[in-house]
Amino acid sequence: MDTDLIFVIGLLVGALAIPAILSAFVDGRPPRAAAIMLLVAGVLVVVAVTRKPGGYTFEGIPNVVYRVIGQLTHGS
């Protein structure tokens, strides 16, 4: 699997964990599922960063996301 795809999936899972955390706290229940999602997201991002030579920069993250979306929509 491509490191860029792993990185973007990790970012997506992390972004989806934020509403889950807020919902759990508002409802007064422990955020177990959200914590697992954050753990999975963190592992995916760390794996992608360590496997890619040179890693990622904050300025390059939007380009990585656009490149992955382009690969998925155009099938290349």
PDB file of N, CA and C in Angstrom:
ATOM      1  N   MET A   1       0.851  -1.174   0.000  1.00  0.00           N
ATOM      2  CA  MET A   1       0.000   0.000   0.000  1.00  0.00           C
ATOM      3  C   MET A   1       0.900   1.240   0.000  1.00  0.00           C
ATOM      4  N   ASP A   2       0.501   2.219  -0.729  1.00  0.00           N
ATOM      5  CA  ASP A   2       1.255   3.454  -0.867  1.00  0.00           C
ATOM      6  C   ASP A   2       1.267   4.235   0.451  1.00  0.00           C
ATOM      7  N   THR A   3       2.420   4.807   0.792  1.00  0.00           N
ATOM      8  CA  THR A   3       2.521   5.549   2.051  1.00  0.00           C
ATOM      9  C   THR A   3       1.624   6.780   2.057  1.00  0.00           C
ATOM     10  N   ASP A   4       1.439   7.397   0.893  1.00  0.00           N
ATOM     11  CA  ASP A   4       0.544   8.557   0.837  1.00  0.00           C
ATOM     12  C   ASP A   4      -0.886   8.154   1.170  1.00  0.00           C
ATOM     13  N   LEU A   5      -1.322   7.000   0.671  1.00  0.00           N
ATOM     14  CA  LEU A   5      -2.676   6.525   0.954  1.00  0.00           C
ATOM     15  C   LEU A   5      -2.829   6.195   2.439  1.00  0.00           C
ATOM     16  N   ILE A   6      -1.826   5.559   3.018  1.00  0.00           N
ATOM     17  CA  ILE A   6      -1.869   5.252   4.454  1.00  0.00           C
ATOM     18  C   ILE A   6      -1.955   6.541   5.263  1.00  0.00           C
ATOM     19  N   PHE A   7      -1.181   7.544   4.871  1.00  0.00           N
ATOM     20  CA  PHE A   7      -1.184   8.829   5.568  1.00  0.00           C
ATOM     21  C   PHE A   7      -2.560   9.497   5.495  1.00  0.00           C
ATOM     22  N   VAL A   8      -3.156   9.512   4.315  1.00  0.00           N
ATOM     23  CA  VAL A   8      -4.458  10.169   4.142  1.00  0.00           C
ATOM     24  C   VAL A   8      -5.553   9.409   4.890  1.00  0.00           C
ATOM     25  N   ILE A   9      -5.495   8.090   4.887  1.00  0.00           N
ATOM     26  CA  ILE A   9      -6.483   7.313   5.649  1.00  0.00           C
ATOM     27  C   ILE A   9      -6.334   7.621   7.140  1.00  0.00           C
ATOM     28  N   GLY A  10      -5.110   7.739   7.615  1.00  0.00           N
ATOM     29  CA  GLY A  10      -4.885   8.096   9.015  1.00  0.00           C
ATOM     30  C   GLY A  10      -5.447   9.469   9.349  1.00  0.00           C
ATOM     31  N   LEU A  11      -5.233  10.426   8.455  1.00  0.00           N
ATOM     32  CA  LEU A  11      -5.798  11.766   8.685  1.00  0.00           C
ATOM     33  C   LEU A  11      -7.326  11.727   8.689  1.00  0.00           C
ATOM     34  N   LEU A  12      -7.910  10.947   7.795  1.00  0.00           N
ATOM     35  CA  LEU A  12      -9.371  10.852   7.712  1.00  0.00           C
ATOM     36  C   LEU A  12      -9.952  10.211   8.972  1.00  0.00           C
ATOM     37  N   VAL A  13      -9.345   9.131   9.421  1.00  0.00           N
ATOM     38  CA  VAL A  13      -9.825   8.476  10.646  1.00  0.00           C
ATOM     39  C   VAL A  13      -9.677   9.416  11.841  1.00  0.00           C
ATOM     40  N   GLY A  14      -8.579  10.146  11.897  1.00  0.00           N
ATOM     41  CA  GLY A  14      -8.389  11.116  12.980  1.00  0.00           C
ATOM     42  C   GLY A  14      -9.418  12.231  12.946  1.00  0.00           C
ATOM     43  N   ALA A  15      -9.738  12.691  11.745  1.00  0.00           N
ATOM     44  CA  ALA A  15     -10.749  13.743  11.624  1.00  0.00           C
ATOM     45  C   ALA A  15     -12.132  13.230  12.015  1.00  0.00           C
ATOM     46  N   LEU A  16     -12.421  11.980  11.704  1.00  0.00           N
ATOM     47  CA  LEU A  16     -13.721  11.414  12.086  1.00  0.00           C
ATOM     48  C   LEU A  16     -13.809  11.124  13.580  1.00  0.00           C
ATOM     49  N   ALA A  17     -12.680  11.024  14.250  1.00  0.00           N
ATOM     50  CA  ALA A  17     -12.690  10.765  15.690  1.00  0.00           C
ATOM     51  C   ALA A  17     -13.097  11.997  16.487  1.00  0.00           C
ATOM     52  N   ILE A  18     -12.877  13.175  15.944  1.00  0.00           N
ATOM     53  CA  ILE A  18     -13.185  14.407  16.686  1.00  0.00           C
ATOM     54  C   ILE A  18     -14.678  14.522  17.015  1.00  0.00           C
ATOM     55  N   PRO A  19     -15.593  14.363  16.033  1.00  0.00           N
ATOM     56  CA  PRO A  19     -17.012  14.407  16.406  1.00  0.00           C
ATOM     57  C   PRO A  19     -17.415  13.282  17.347  1.00  0.00           C
ATOM     58  N   ALA A  20     -16.775  12.127  17.226  1.00  0.00           N
ATOM     59  CA  ALA A  20     -17.089  11.022  18.132  1.00  0.00           C
ATOM     60  C   ALA A  20     -16.693  11.349  19.565  1.00  0.00           C
ATOM     61  N   ILE A  21     -15.554  12.019  19.727  1.00  0.00           N
ATOM     62  CA  ILE A  21     -15.115  12.421  21.066  1.00  0.00           C
ATOM     63  C   ILE A  21     -16.091  13.443  21.657  1.00  0.00           C
ATOM     64  N   LEU A  22     -16.433  14.440  20.853  1.00  0.00           N
ATOM     65  CA  LEU A  22     -17.367  15.470  21.334  1.00  0.00           C
ATOM     66  C   LEU A  22     -18.721  14.873  21.685  1.00  0.00           C
ATOM     67  N   SER A  23     -19.223  13.972  20.867  1.00  0.00           N
ATOM     68  CA  SER A  23     -20.508  13.337  21.131  1.00  0.00           C
ATOM     69  C   SER A  23     -20.477  12.535  22.420  1.00  0.00           C
ATOM     70  N   ALA A  24     -19.390  11.806  22.636  1.00  0.00           N
ATOM     71  CA  ALA A  24     -19.287  11.005  23.857  1.00  0.00           C
ATOM     72  C   ALA A  24     -19.261  11.887  25.097  1.00  0.00           C
ATOM     73  N   PHE A  25     -18.511  12.976  25.049  1.00  0.00           N
ATOM     74  CA  PHE A  25     -18.452  13.857  26.216  1.00  0.00           C
ATOM     75  C   PHE A  25     -19.783  14.558  26.473  1.00  0.00           C
ATOM     76  N   VAL A  26     -20.477  14.948  25.417  1.00  0.00           N
ATOM     77  CA  VAL A  26     -21.777  15.614  25.595  1.00  0.00           C
ATOM     78  C   VAL A  26     -22.798  14.651  26.189  1.00  0.00           C
ATOM     79  N   ASP A  27     -22.752  13.391  25.756  1.00  0.00           N
ATOM     80  CA  ASP A  27     -23.692  12.395  26.271  1.00  0.00           C
ATOM     81  C   ASP A  27     -23.297  11.857  27.644  1.00  0.00           C
ATOM     82  N   GLY A  28     -22.113  12.217  28.120  1.00  0.00           N
ATOM     83  CA  GLY A  28     -21.672  11.780  29.433  1.00  0.00           C
ATOM     84  C   GLY A  28     -21.192  10.341  29.475  1.00  0.00           C
ATOM     85  N   ARG A  29     -20.723   9.822  28.351  1.00  0.00           N
ATOM     86  CA  ARG A  29     -20.215   8.450  28.319  1.00  0.00           C
ATOM     87  C   ARG A  29     -18.727   8.468  27.955  1.00  0.00           C
ATOM     88  N   PRO A  30     -18.024   7.423  28.290  1.00  0.00           N
ATOM     89  CA  PRO A  30     -16.585   7.396  27.979  1.00  0.00           C
ATOM     90  C   PRO A  30     -16.359   7.254  26.469  1.00  0.00           C
ATOM     91  N   PRO A  31     -15.398   7.969  25.938  1.00  0.00           N
ATOM     92  CA  PRO A  31     -15.152   7.947  24.487  1.00  0.00           C
ATOM     93  C   PRO A  31     -14.277   6.767  24.060  1.00  0.00           C
ATOM     94  N   ARG A  32     -14.753   5.542  24.272  1.00  0.00           N
ATOM     95  CA  ARG A  32     -13.947   4.364  23.953  1.00  0.00           C
ATOM     96  C   ARG A  32     -13.713   4.221  22.459  1.00  0.00           C
ATOM     97  N   ALA A  33     -14.764   4.295  21.677  1.00  0.00           N
ATOM     98  CA  ALA A  33     -14.627   4.133  20.223  1.00  0.00           C
ATOM     99  C   ALA A  33     -13.760   5.248  19.641  1.00  0.00           C
ATOM    100  N   ALA A  34     -13.939   6.454  20.128  1.00  0.00           N
ATOM    101  CA  ALA A  34     -13.148   7.579  19.638  1.00  0.00           C
ATOM    102  C   ALA A  34     -11.677   7.409  20.006  1.00  0.00           C
ATOM    103  N   ALA A  35     -11.405   6.874  21.178  1.00  0.00           N
ATOM    104  CA  ALA A  35     -10.019   6.646  21.579  1.00  0.00           C
ATOM    105  C   ALA A  35      -9.372   5.588  20.690  1.00  0.00           C
ATOM    106  N   ILE A  36     -10.114   4.562  20.349  1.00  0.00           N
ATOM    107  CA  ILE A  36      -9.591   3.537  19.445  1.00  0.00           C
ATOM    108  C   ILE A  36      -9.346   4.127  18.064  1.00  0.00           C
ATOM    109  N   MET A  37     -10.266   4.974  17.607  1.00  0.00           N
ATOM    110  CA  MET A  37     -10.083   5.622  16.309  1.00  0.00           C
ATOM    111  C   MET A  37      -8.834   6.498  16.309  1.00  0.00           C
ATOM    112  N   LEU A  38      -8.617   7.247  17.381  1.00  0.00           N
ATOM    113  CA  LEU A  38      -7.417   8.084  17.470  1.00  0.00           C
ATOM    114  C   LEU A  38      -6.151   7.238  17.508  1.00  0.00           C
ATOM    115  N   LEU A  39      -6.205   6.116  18.185  1.00  0.00           N
ATOM    116  CA  LEU A  39      -5.057   5.227  18.238  1.00  0.00           C
ATOM    117  C   LEU A  39      -4.741   4.671  16.849  1.00  0.00           C
ATOM    118  N   VAL A  40      -5.763   4.226  16.131  1.00  0.00           N
ATOM    119  CA  VAL A  40      -5.570   3.703  14.781  1.00  0.00           C
ATOM    120  C   VAL A  40      -5.031   4.803  13.862  1.00  0.00           C
ATOM    121  N   ALA A  41      -5.592   5.994  13.965  1.00  0.00           N
ATOM    122  CA  ALA A  41      -5.136   7.108  13.137  1.00  0.00           C
ATOM    123  C   ALA A  41      -3.678   7.431  13.422  1.00  0.00           C
ATOM    124  N   GLY A  42      -3.313   7.461  14.676  1.00  0.00           N
ATOM    125  CA  GLY A  42      -1.929   7.748  15.040  1.00  0.00           C
ATOM    126  C   GLY A  42      -0.966   6.704  14.509  1.00  0.00           C
ATOM    127  N   VAL A  43      -1.347   5.441  14.612  1.00  0.00           N
ATOM    128  CA  VAL A  43      -0.491   4.365  14.101  1.00  0.00           C
ATOM    129  C   VAL A  43      -0.336   4.483  12.589  1.00  0.00           C
ATOM    130  N   LEU A  44      -1.427   4.750  11.881  1.00  0.00           N
ATOM    131  CA  LEU A  44      -1.346   4.886  10.425  1.00  0.00           C
ATOM    132  C   LEU A  44      -0.445   6.046  10.009  1.00  0.00           C
ATOM    133  N   VAL A  45      -0.579   7.165  10.674  1.00  0.00           N
ATOM    134  CA  VAL A  45       0.246   8.333  10.337  1.00  0.00           C
ATOM    135  C   VAL A  45       1.715   8.054  10.647  1.00  0.00           C
ATOM    136  N   VAL A  46       1.989   7.441  11.784  1.00  0.00           N
ATOM    137  CA  VAL A  46       3.376   7.141  12.144  1.00  0.00           C
ATOM    138  C   VAL A  46       3.985   6.138  11.165  1.00  0.00           C
ATOM    139  N   VAL A  47       3.238   5.126  10.775  1.00  0.00           N
ATOM    140  CA  VAL A  47       3.739   4.146   9.807  1.00  0.00           C
ATOM    141  C   VAL A  47       4.056   4.835   8.483  1.00  0.00           C
ATOM    142  N   ALA A  48       3.166   5.697   8.028  1.00  0.00           N
ATOM    143  CA  ALA A  48       3.389   6.385   6.753  1.00  0.00           C
ATOM    144  C   ALA A  48       4.602   7.306   6.824  1.00  0.00           C
ATOM    145  N   VAL A  49       4.751   8.025   7.918  1.00  0.00           N
ATOM    146  CA  VAL A  49       5.871   8.966   8.050  1.00  0.00           C
ATOM    147  C   VAL A  49       7.201   8.223   8.132  1.00  0.00           C
ATOM    148  N   THR A  50       7.216   7.105   8.837  1.00  0.00           N
ATOM    149  CA  THR A  50       8.479   6.375   8.975  1.00  0.00           C
ATOM    150  C   THR A  50       8.857   5.616   7.706  1.00  0.00           C
ATOM    151  N   ARG A  51       7.891   5.211   6.916  1.00  0.00           N
ATOM    152  CA  ARG A  51       8.196   4.467   5.687  1.00  0.00           C
ATOM    153  C   ARG A  51       8.546   5.365   4.506  1.00  0.00           C
ATOM    154  N   LYS A  52       8.137   6.622   4.551  1.00  0.00           N
ATOM    155  CA  LYS A  52       8.428   7.516   3.430  1.00  0.00           C
ATOM    156  C   LYS A  52       9.776   8.190   3.654  1.00  0.00           C
ATOM    157  N   PRO A  53      10.677   8.063   2.689  1.00  0.00           N
ATOM    158  CA  PRO A  53      11.969   8.745   2.839  1.00  0.00           C
ATOM    159  C   PRO A  53      11.777  10.264   2.855  1.00  0.00           C
ATOM    160  N   GLY A  54      12.283  10.909   3.860  1.00  0.00           N
ATOM    161  CA  GLY A  54      12.135  12.355   3.969  1.00  0.00           C
ATOM    162  C   GLY A  54      10.902  12.778   4.732  1.00  0.00           C
ATOM    163  N   GLY A  55       9.959  11.871   4.946  1.00  0.00           N
ATOM    164  CA  GLY A  55       8.748  12.171   5.695  1.00  0.00           C
ATOM    165  C   GLY A  55       7.820  13.139   4.982  1.00  0.00           C
ATOM    166  N   TYR A  56       7.000  13.830   5.751  1.00  0.00           N
ATOM    167  CA  TYR A  56       6.026  14.794   5.230  1.00  0.00           C
ATOM    168  C   TYR A  56       6.254  16.143   5.899  1.00  0.00           C
ATOM    169  N   THR A  57       5.901  17.207   5.187  1.00  0.00           N
ATOM    170  CA  THR A  57       5.931  18.544   5.770  1.00  0.00           C
ATOM    171  C   THR A  57       4.504  19.059   5.863  1.00  0.00           C
ATOM    172  N   PHE A  58       4.289  20.023   6.743  1.00  0.00           N
ATOM    173  CA  PHE A  58       2.947  20.592   6.871  1.00  0.00           C
ATOM    174  C   PHE A  58       2.500  21.254   5.580  1.00  0.00           C
ATOM    175  N   GLU A  59       3.435  21.855   4.870  1.00  0.00           N
ATOM    176  CA  GLU A  59       3.087  22.517   3.617  1.00  0.00           C
ATOM    177  C   GLU A  59       2.728  21.517   2.521  1.00  0.00           C
ATOM    178  N   GLY A  60       3.237  20.299   2.623  1.00  0.00           N
ATOM    179  CA  GLY A  60       3.007  19.298   1.591  1.00  0.00           C
ATOM    180  C   GLY A  60       1.777  18.441   1.809  1.00  0.00           C
ATOM    181  N   ILE A  61       1.139  18.544   2.970  1.00  0.00           N
ATOM    182  CA  ILE A  61      -0.019  17.703   3.271  1.00  0.00           C
ATOM    183  C   ILE A  61      -1.172  17.931   2.295  1.00  0.00           C
ATOM    184  N   PRO A  62      -1.542  19.164   1.962  1.00  0.00           N
ATOM    185  CA  PRO A  62      -2.633  19.325   0.982  1.00  0.00           C
ATOM    186  C   PRO A  62      -2.312  18.685  -0.370  1.00  0.00           C
ATOM    187  N   ASN A  63      -1.061  18.779  -0.812  1.00  0.00           N
ATOM    188  CA  ASN A  63      -0.692  18.156  -2.080  1.00  0.00           C
ATOM    189  C   ASN A  63      -0.805  16.636  -2.006  1.00  0.00           C
ATOM    190  N   VAL A  64      -0.444  16.069  -0.865  1.00  0.00           N
ATOM    191  CA  VAL A  64      -0.560  14.616  -0.691  1.00  0.00           C
ATOM    192  C   VAL A  64      -2.023  14.204  -0.762  1.00  0.00           C
ATOM    193  N   VAL A  65      -2.895  14.949  -0.093  1.00  0.00           N
ATOM    194  CA  VAL A  65      -4.326  14.629  -0.102  1.00  0.00           C
ATOM    195  C   VAL A  65      -4.881  14.739  -1.517  1.00  0.00           C
ATOM    196  N   TYR A  66      -4.548  15.801  -2.234  1.00  0.00           N
ATOM    197  CA  TYR A  66      -5.037  15.970  -3.599  1.00  0.00           C
ATOM    198  C   TYR A  66      -4.516  14.872  -4.519  1.00  0.00           C
ATOM    199  N   ARG A  67      -3.260  14.469  -4.316  1.00  0.00           N
ATOM    200  CA  ARG A  67      -2.671  13.430  -5.152  1.00  0.00           C
ATOM    201  C   ARG A  67      -3.385  12.083  -4.916  1.00  0.00           C
ATOM    202  N   VAL A  68      -3.697  11.764  -3.662  1.00  0.00           N
ATOM    203  CA  VAL A  68      -4.390  10.520  -3.355  1.00  0.00           C
ATOM    204  C   VAL A  68      -5.807  10.547  -3.916  1.00  0.00           C
ATOM    205  N   ILE A  69      -6.492  11.663  -3.772  1.00  0.00           N
ATOM    206  CA  ILE A  69      -7.844  11.773  -4.328  1.00  0.00           C
ATOM    207  C   ILE A  69      -7.797  11.617  -5.839  1.00  0.00           C
ATOM    208  N   GLY A  70      -6.804  12.232  -6.474  1.00  0.00           N
ATOM    209  CA  GLY A  70      -6.648  12.091  -7.917  1.00  0.00           C
ATOM    210  C   GLY A  70      -6.376  10.669  -8.341  1.00  0.00           C
ATOM    211  N   GLN A  71      -5.547   9.945  -7.574  1.00  0.00           N
ATOM    212  CA  GLN A  71      -5.265   8.553  -7.887  1.00  0.00           C
ATOM    213  C   GLN A  71      -6.510   7.702  -7.745  1.00  0.00           C
ATOM    214  N   LEU A  72      -7.309   7.971  -6.728  1.00  0.00           N
ATOM    215  CA  LEU A  72      -8.515   7.173  -6.505  1.00  0.00           C
ATOM    216  C   LEU A  72      -9.591   7.448  -7.550  1.00  0.00           C
ATOM    217  N   THR A  73      -9.715   8.699  -7.984  1.00  0.00           N
ATOM    218  CA  THR A  73     -10.766   9.014  -8.939  1.00  0.00           C
ATOM    219  C   THR A  73     -10.376   8.669 -10.368  1.00  0.00           C
ATOM    220  N   HIS A  74      -9.086   8.692 -10.681  1.00  0.00           N
ATOM    221  CA  HIS A  74      -8.656   8.430 -12.051  1.00  0.00           C
ATOM    222  C   HIS A  74      -8.105   7.010 -12.211  1.00  0.00           C
ATOM    223  N   GLY A  75      -8.018   6.261 -11.137  1.00  0.00           N
ATOM    224  CA  GLY A  75      -7.638   4.864 -11.212  1.00  0.00           C
ATOM    225  C   GLY A  75      -6.200   4.581 -11.556  1.00  0.00           C
ATOM    226  N   SER A  76      -5.311   5.536 -11.364  1.00  0.00           N
ATOM    227  CA  SER A  76      -3.901   5.273 -11.699  1.00  0.00           C
ATOM    228  C   SER A  76      -3.062   5.061 -10.482  1.00  0.00           C
TER     229      SER A  76
END
